[in-house]
Amino acid sequence: MIVYKVKCRHLTDEEGMEYDSYGLAAMREEYEVMTVDEITVRKAEIEALACMCNRGSLALEHLMDVVEDWLSS
């Protein structure tokens, strides 16, 4: 079973400003089997997306389609 977790990266932009960028990590047991980094800078939104993926038992092969659809909405 795949469980989706929020992944945070601390980054610096071209002007030297620091910010947090959030993505998703697809976990099987304790192993990351796939990650999608830098989806958004809004933590609450990515938490909601991870919850939706987990609640729907999203299959790993559909993750990129879901992320693309989410970004375009």
PDB file of N, CA and C in Angstrom:
ATOM      1  N   MET A   1       0.830  -1.180   0.000  1.00  0.00           N
ATOM      2  CA  MET A   1       0.000   0.000   0.000  1.00  0.00           C
ATOM      3  C   MET A   1       0.877   1.246   0.000  1.00  0.00           C
ATOM      4  N   ILE A   2       0.487   2.210  -0.805  1.00  0.00           N
ATOM      5  CA  ILE A   2       1.211   3.478  -0.896  1.00  0.00           C
ATOM      6  C   ILE A   2       0.565   4.488   0.042  1.00  0.00           C
ATOM      7  N   VAL A   3       1.400   5.203   0.786  1.00  0.00           N
ATOM      8  CA  VAL A   3       0.954   6.306   1.635  1.00  0.00           C
ATOM      9  C   VAL A   3       1.674   7.558   1.156  1.00  0.00           C
ATOM     10  N   TYR A   4       0.912   8.638   0.984  1.00  0.00           N
ATOM     11  CA  TYR A   4       1.479   9.894   0.505  1.00  0.00           C
ATOM     12  C   TYR A   4       1.717  10.825   1.682  1.00  0.00           C
ATOM     13  N   LYS A   5       2.925  11.380   1.733  1.00  0.00           N
ATOM     14  CA  LYS A   5       3.314  12.287   2.805  1.00  0.00           C
ATOM     15  C   LYS A   5       3.834  13.582   2.199  1.00  0.00           C
ATOM     16  N   VAL A   6       3.664  14.658   2.947  1.00  0.00           N
ATOM     17  CA  VAL A   6       4.179  15.956   2.525  1.00  0.00           C
ATOM     18  C   VAL A   6       5.692  15.972   2.724  1.00  0.00           C
ATOM     19  N   LYS A   7       6.366  16.524   1.740  1.00  0.00           N
ATOM     20  CA  LYS A   7       7.821  16.642   1.797  1.00  0.00           C
ATOM     21  C   LYS A   7       8.173  18.126   1.668  1.00  0.00           C
ATOM     22  N   CYS A   8       8.971  18.627   2.586  1.00  0.00           N
ATOM     23  CA  CYS A   8       9.356  20.038   2.586  1.00  0.00           C
ATOM     24  C   CYS A   8      10.827  20.177   2.233  1.00  0.00           C
ATOM     25  N   ARG A   9      11.105  21.141   1.364  1.00  0.00           N
ATOM     26  CA  ARG A   9      12.498  21.464   1.021  1.00  0.00           C
ATOM     27  C   ARG A   9      12.719  22.935   1.317  1.00  0.00           C
ATOM     28  N   HIS A  10      13.824  23.252   1.963  1.00  0.00           N
ATOM     29  CA  HIS A  10      14.202  24.631   2.241  1.00  0.00           C
ATOM     30  C   HIS A  10      15.091  25.090   1.094  1.00  0.00           C
ATOM     31  N   LEU A  11      14.648  26.107   0.369  1.00  0.00           N
ATOM     32  CA  LEU A  11      15.341  26.549  -0.832  1.00  0.00           C
ATOM     33  C   LEU A  11      15.673  28.025  -0.750  1.00  0.00           C
ATOM     34  N   THR A  12      16.532  28.455  -1.655  1.00  0.00           N
ATOM     35  CA  THR A  12      16.901  29.859  -1.778  1.00  0.00           C
ATOM     36  C   THR A  12      16.689  30.263  -3.223  1.00  0.00           C
ATOM     37  N   ASP A  13      15.997  31.402  -3.422  1.00  0.00           N
ATOM     38  CA  ASP A  13      15.753  31.848  -4.798  1.00  0.00           C
ATOM     39  C   ASP A  13      16.959  32.608  -5.345  1.00  0.00           C
ATOM     40  N   GLU A  14      16.835  33.082  -6.561  1.00  0.00           N
ATOM     41  CA  GLU A  14      17.943  33.749  -7.245  1.00  0.00           C
ATOM     42  C   GLU A  14      18.388  35.029  -6.548  1.00  0.00           C
ATOM     43  N   GLU A  15      17.499  35.619  -5.748  1.00  0.00           N
ATOM     44  CA  GLU A  15      17.822  36.857  -5.036  1.00  0.00           C
ATOM     45  C   GLU A  15      18.303  36.599  -3.609  1.00  0.00           C
ATOM     46  N   GLY A  16      18.487  35.337  -3.263  1.00  0.00           N
ATOM     47  CA  GLY A  16      18.982  34.974  -1.947  1.00  0.00           C
ATOM     48  C   GLY A  16      17.914  34.854  -0.870  1.00  0.00           C
ATOM     49  N   MET A  17      16.650  34.938  -1.256  1.00  0.00           N
ATOM     50  CA  MET A  17      15.556  34.814  -0.295  1.00  0.00           C
ATOM     51  C   MET A  17      15.257  33.332  -0.053  1.00  0.00           C
ATOM     52  N   GLU A  18      15.141  32.975   1.209  1.00  0.00           N
ATOM     53  CA  GLU A  18      14.840  31.588   1.565  1.00  0.00           C
ATOM     54  C   GLU A  18      13.338  31.363   1.595  1.00  0.00           C
ATOM     55  N   TYR A  19      12.926  30.160   1.226  1.00  0.00           N
ATOM     56  CA  TYR A  19      11.513  29.801   1.268  1.00  0.00           C
ATOM     57  C   TYR A  19      11.389  28.285   1.372  1.00  0.00           C
ATOM     58  N   ASP A  20      10.206  27.843   1.779  1.00  0.00           N
ATOM     59  CA  ASP A  20       9.908  26.414   1.848  1.00  0.00           C
ATOM     60  C   ASP A  20       9.063  26.035   0.645  1.00  0.00           C
ATOM     61  N   SER A  21       9.409  24.934   0.038  1.00  0.00           N
ATOM     62  CA  SER A  21       8.662  24.400  -1.092  1.00  0.00           C
ATOM     63  C   SER A  21       8.202  22.999  -0.713  1.00  0.00           C
ATOM     64  N   TYR A  22       6.945  22.694  -1.055  1.00  0.00           N
ATOM     65  CA  TYR A  22       6.350  21.429  -0.630  1.00  0.00           C
ATOM     66  C   TYR A  22       6.043  20.528  -1.819  1.00  0.00           C
ATOM     67  N   GLY A  23       6.242  19.256  -1.604  1.00  0.00           N
ATOM     68  CA  GLY A  23       5.923  18.248  -2.597  1.00  0.00           C
ATOM     69  C   GLY A  23       5.351  17.032  -1.902  1.00  0.00           C
ATOM     70  N   LEU A  24       5.262  15.950  -2.651  1.00  0.00           N
ATOM     71  CA  LEU A  24       4.727  14.707  -2.107  1.00  0.00           C
ATOM     72  C   LEU A  24       5.762  13.600  -2.198  1.00  0.00           C
ATOM     73  N   ALA A  25       5.786  12.773  -1.185  1.00  0.00           N
ATOM     74  CA  ALA A  25       6.585  11.552  -1.190  1.00  0.00           C
ATOM     75  C   ALA A  25       5.631  10.376  -1.124  1.00  0.00           C
ATOM     76  N   ALA A  26       5.787   9.453  -2.055  1.00  0.00           N
ATOM     77  CA  ALA A  26       5.000   8.227  -2.052  1.00  0.00           C
ATOM     78  C   ALA A  26       5.813   7.183  -1.290  1.00  0.00           C
ATOM     79  N   MET A  27       5.223   6.668  -0.208  1.00  0.00           N
ATOM     80  CA  MET A  27       5.929   5.750   0.674  1.00  0.00           C
ATOM     81  C   MET A  27       5.312   4.355   0.600  1.00  0.00           C
ATOM     82  N   ARG A  28       6.174   3.372   0.501  1.00  0.00           N
ATOM     83  CA  ARG A  28       5.760   1.974   0.644  1.00  0.00           C
ATOM     84  C   ARG A  28       6.549   1.451   1.837  1.00  0.00           C
ATOM     85  N   GLU A  29       5.821   1.150   2.910  1.00  0.00           N
ATOM     86  CA  GLU A  29       6.434   0.854   4.205  1.00  0.00           C
ATOM     87  C   GLU A  29       7.252   2.081   4.584  1.00  0.00           C
ATOM     88  N   GLU A  30       8.541   1.958   4.853  1.00  0.00           N
ATOM     89  CA  GLU A  30       9.338   3.129   5.236  1.00  0.00           C
ATOM     90  C   GLU A  30      10.175   3.677   4.082  1.00  0.00           C
ATOM     91  N   TYR A  31       9.958   3.181   2.888  1.00  0.00           N
ATOM     92  CA  TYR A  31      10.777   3.569   1.738  1.00  0.00           C
ATOM     93  C   TYR A  31      10.051   4.540   0.812  1.00  0.00           C
ATOM     94  N   GLU A  32      10.758   5.590   0.406  1.00  0.00           N
ATOM     95  CA  GLU A  32      10.240   6.490  -0.618  1.00  0.00           C
ATOM     96  C   GLU A  32      10.365   5.792  -1.962  1.00  0.00           C
ATOM     97  N   VAL A  33       9.251   5.606  -2.633  1.00  0.00           N
ATOM     98  CA  VAL A  33       9.297   4.951  -3.939  1.00  0.00           C
ATOM     99  C   VAL A  33       9.152   5.964  -5.070  1.00  0.00           C
ATOM    100  N   MET A  34       8.669   7.169  -4.730  1.00  0.00           N
ATOM    101  CA  MET A  34       8.552   8.224  -5.727  1.00  0.00           C
ATOM    102  C   MET A  34       8.368   9.547  -5.001  1.00  0.00           C
ATOM    103  N   THR A  35       8.939  10.609  -5.549  1.00  0.00           N
ATOM    104  CA  THR A  35       8.720  11.943  -5.001  1.00  0.00           C
ATOM    105  C   THR A  35       8.393  12.901  -6.138  1.00  0.00           C
ATOM    106  N   VAL A  36       7.587  13.878  -5.803  1.00  0.00           N
ATOM    107  CA  VAL A  36       7.312  14.984  -6.707  1.00  0.00           C
ATOM    108  C   VAL A  36       7.617  16.237  -5.897  1.00  0.00           C
ATOM    109  N   ASP A  37       8.725  16.884  -6.213  1.00  0.00           N
ATOM    110  CA  ASP A  37       9.177  18.041  -5.455  1.00  0.00           C
ATOM    111  C   ASP A  37       8.621  19.337  -6.037  1.00  0.00           C
ATOM    112  N   GLU A  38       8.644  20.358  -5.197  1.00  0.00           N
ATOM    113  CA  GLU A  38       8.318  21.735  -5.589  1.00  0.00           C
ATOM    114  C   GLU A  38       6.970  21.867  -6.295  1.00  0.00           C
ATOM    115  N   ILE A  39       5.944  21.340  -5.659  1.00  0.00           N
ATOM    116  CA  ILE A  39       4.592  21.465  -6.203  1.00  0.00           C
ATOM    117  C   ILE A  39       4.003  22.821  -5.837  1.00  0.00           C
ATOM    118  N   THR A  40       4.224  23.253  -4.582  1.00  0.00           N
ATOM    119  CA  THR A  40       3.637  24.506  -4.106  1.00  0.00           C
ATOM    120  C   THR A  40       4.430  25.042  -2.924  1.00  0.00           C
ATOM    121  N   VAL A  41       4.191  26.302  -2.603  1.00  0.00           N
ATOM    122  CA  VAL A  41       4.771  26.889  -1.390  1.00  0.00           C
ATOM    123  C   VAL A  41       3.717  26.986  -0.287  1.00  0.00           C
ATOM    124  N   ARG A  42       2.524  26.476  -0.558  1.00  0.00           N
ATOM    125  CA  ARG A  42       1.411  26.537   0.398  1.00  0.00           C
ATOM    126  C   ARG A  42       1.241  25.185   1.106  1.00  0.00           C
ATOM    127  N   LYS A  43       1.669  25.156   2.355  1.00  0.00           N
ATOM    128  CA  LYS A  43       1.670  23.906   3.115  1.00  0.00           C
ATOM    129  C   LYS A  43       0.267  23.318   3.271  1.00  0.00           C
ATOM    130  N   ALA A  44      -0.711  24.146   3.602  1.00  0.00           N
ATOM    131  CA  ALA A  44      -2.070  23.636   3.835  1.00  0.00           C
ATOM    132  C   ALA A  44      -2.629  22.987   2.574  1.00  0.00           C
ATOM    133  N   GLU A  45      -2.315  23.536   1.409  1.00  0.00           N
ATOM    134  CA  GLU A  45      -2.825  22.975   0.160  1.00  0.00           C
ATOM    135  C   GLU A  45      -2.215  21.614  -0.146  1.00  0.00           C
ATOM    136  N   ILE A  46      -0.929  21.467   0.086  1.00  0.00           N
ATOM    137  CA  ILE A  46      -0.286  20.185  -0.212  1.00  0.00           C
ATOM    138  C   ILE A  46      -0.713  19.133   0.810  1.00  0.00           C
ATOM    139  N   GLU A  47      -0.983  19.567   2.047  1.00  0.00           N
ATOM    140  CA  GLU A  47      -1.502  18.623   3.045  1.00  0.00           C
ATOM    141  C   GLU A  47      -2.871  18.109   2.614  1.00  0.00           C
ATOM    142  N   ALA A  48      -3.698  18.997   2.064  1.00  0.00           N
ATOM    143  CA  ALA A  48      -5.019  18.582   1.589  1.00  0.00           C
ATOM    144  C   ALA A  48      -4.895  17.621   0.402  1.00  0.00           C
ATOM    145  N   LEU A  49      -3.943  17.883  -0.484  1.00  0.00           N
ATOM    146  CA  LEU A  49      -3.721  16.994  -1.631  1.00  0.00           C
ATOM    147  C   LEU A  49      -3.253  15.620  -1.162  1.00  0.00           C
ATOM    148  N   ALA A  50      -2.325  15.578  -0.220  1.00  0.00           N
ATOM    149  CA  ALA A  50      -1.842  14.300   0.317  1.00  0.00           C
ATOM    150  C   ALA A  50      -2.993  13.533   0.969  1.00  0.00           C
ATOM    151  N   CYS A  51      -3.826  14.228   1.706  1.00  0.00           N
ATOM    152  CA  CYS A  51      -4.977  13.599   2.358  1.00  0.00           C
ATOM    153  C   CYS A  51      -5.923  13.019   1.314  1.00  0.00           C
ATOM    154  N   MET A  52      -6.189  13.769   0.250  1.00  0.00           N
ATOM    155  CA  MET A  52      -7.072  13.297  -0.811  1.00  0.00           C
ATOM    156  C   MET A  52      -6.490  12.042  -1.473  1.00  0.00           C
ATOM    157  N   CYS A  53      -5.187  12.046  -1.737  1.00  0.00           N
ATOM    158  CA  CYS A  53      -4.540  10.883  -2.356  1.00  0.00           C
ATOM    159  C   CYS A  53      -4.633   9.662  -1.454  1.00  0.00           C
ATOM    160  N   ASN A  54      -4.422   9.856  -0.156  1.00  0.00           N
ATOM    161  CA  ASN A  54      -4.491   8.743   0.791  1.00  0.00           C
ATOM    162  C   ASN A  54      -5.917   8.241   0.965  1.00  0.00           C
ATOM    163  N   ARG A  55      -6.847   9.156   1.075  1.00  0.00           N
ATOM    164  CA  ARG A  55      -8.254   8.774   1.262  1.00  0.00           C
ATOM    165  C   ARG A  55      -8.762   7.973   0.061  1.00  0.00           C
ATOM    166  N   GLY A  56      -8.286   8.351  -1.137  1.00  0.00           N
ATOM    167  CA  GLY A  56      -8.708   7.656  -2.350  1.00  0.00           C
ATOM    168  C   GLY A  56      -7.837   6.462  -2.705  1.00  0.00           C
ATOM    169  N   SER A  57      -6.866   6.138  -1.861  1.00  0.00           N
ATOM    170  CA  SER A  57      -5.923   5.033  -2.126  1.00  0.00           C
ATOM    171  C   SER A  57      -5.356   5.138  -3.546  1.00  0.00           C
ATOM    172  N   LEU A  58      -4.854   6.315  -3.864  1.00  0.00           N
ATOM    173  CA  LEU A  58      -4.334   6.595  -5.201  1.00  0.00           C
ATOM    174  C   LEU A  58      -3.210   5.631  -5.578  1.00  0.00           C
ATOM    175  N   ALA A  59      -3.350   5.011  -6.729  1.00  0.00           N
ATOM    176  CA  ALA A  59      -2.290   4.133  -7.245  1.00  0.00           C
ATOM    177  C   ALA A  59      -1.120   4.993  -7.705  1.00  0.00           C
ATOM    178  N   LEU A  60       0.068   4.519  -7.456  1.00  0.00           N
ATOM    179  CA  LEU A  60       1.288   5.263  -7.757  1.00  0.00           C
ATOM    180  C   LEU A  60       1.347   5.716  -9.217  1.00  0.00           C
ATOM    181  N   GLU A  61       0.890   4.883 -10.122  1.00  0.00           N
ATOM    182  CA  GLU A  61       0.993   5.228 -11.546  1.00  0.00           C
ATOM    183  C   GLU A  61       0.114   6.417 -11.933  1.00  0.00           C
ATOM    184  N   HIS A  62      -0.782   6.838 -11.048  1.00  0.00           N
ATOM    185  CA  HIS A  62      -1.652   7.987 -11.338  1.00  0.00           C
ATOM    186  C   HIS A  62      -1.194   9.269 -10.653  1.00  0.00           C
ATOM    187  N   LEU A  63      -0.141   9.212  -9.871  1.00  0.00           N
ATOM    188  CA  LEU A  63       0.286  10.369  -9.092  1.00  0.00           C
ATOM    189  C   LEU A  63       0.588  11.577  -9.967  1.00  0.00           C
ATOM    190  N   MET A  64       1.365  11.411 -11.002  1.00  0.00           N
ATOM    191  CA  MET A  64       1.736  12.560 -11.831  1.00  0.00           C
ATOM    192  C   MET A  64       0.512  13.198 -12.491  1.00  0.00           C
ATOM    193  N   ASP A  65      -0.440  12.382 -12.935  1.00  0.00           N
ATOM    194  CA  ASP A  65      -1.662  12.923 -13.528  1.00  0.00           C
ATOM    195  C   ASP A  65      -2.451  13.736 -12.504  1.00  0.00           C
ATOM    196  N   VAL A  66      -2.545  13.234 -11.284  1.00  0.00           N
ATOM    197  CA  VAL A  66      -3.268  13.945 -10.229  1.00  0.00           C
ATOM    198  C   VAL A  66      -2.579  15.269  -9.915  1.00  0.00           C
ATOM    199  N   VAL A  67      -1.262  15.256  -9.811  1.00  0.00           N
ATOM    200  CA  VAL A  67      -0.510  16.494  -9.524  1.00  0.00           C
ATOM    201  C   VAL A  67      -0.711  17.499 -10.664  1.00  0.00           C
ATOM    202  N   GLU A  68      -0.603  17.043 -11.905  1.00  0.00           N
ATOM    203  CA  GLU A  68      -0.799  17.944 -13.048  1.00  0.00           C
ATOM    204  C   GLU A  68      -2.207  18.529 -13.048  1.00  0.00           C
ATOM    205  N   ASP A  69      -3.210  17.714 -12.784  1.00  0.00           N
ATOM    206  CA  ASP A  69      -4.592  18.190 -12.726  1.00  0.00           C
ATOM    207  C   ASP A  69      -4.755  19.193 -11.586  1.00  0.00           C
ATOM    208  N   TRP A  70      -4.156  18.896 -10.454  1.00  0.00           N
ATOM    209  CA  TRP A  70      -4.254  19.788  -9.291  1.00  0.00           C
ATOM    210  C   TRP A  70      -3.610  21.141  -9.587  1.00  0.00           C
ATOM    211  N   LEU A  71      -2.451  21.117 -10.248  1.00  0.00           N
ATOM    212  CA  LEU A  71      -1.769  22.369 -10.577  1.00  0.00           C
ATOM    213  C   LEU A  71      -2.541  23.214 -11.577  1.00  0.00           C
ATOM    214  N   SER A  72      -3.285  22.569 -12.470  1.00  0.00           N
ATOM    215  CA  SER A  72      -4.015  23.311 -13.493  1.00  0.00           C
ATOM    216  C   SER A  72      -5.389  23.788 -13.030  1.00  0.00           C
ATOM    217  N   SER A  73      -5.776  23.386 -11.820  1.00  0.00           N
ATOM    218  CA  SER A  73      -7.103  23.793 -11.337  1.00  0.00           C
ATOM    219  C   SER A  73      -7.051  25.125 -10.604  1.00  0.00           C
TER     220      SER A  73
END
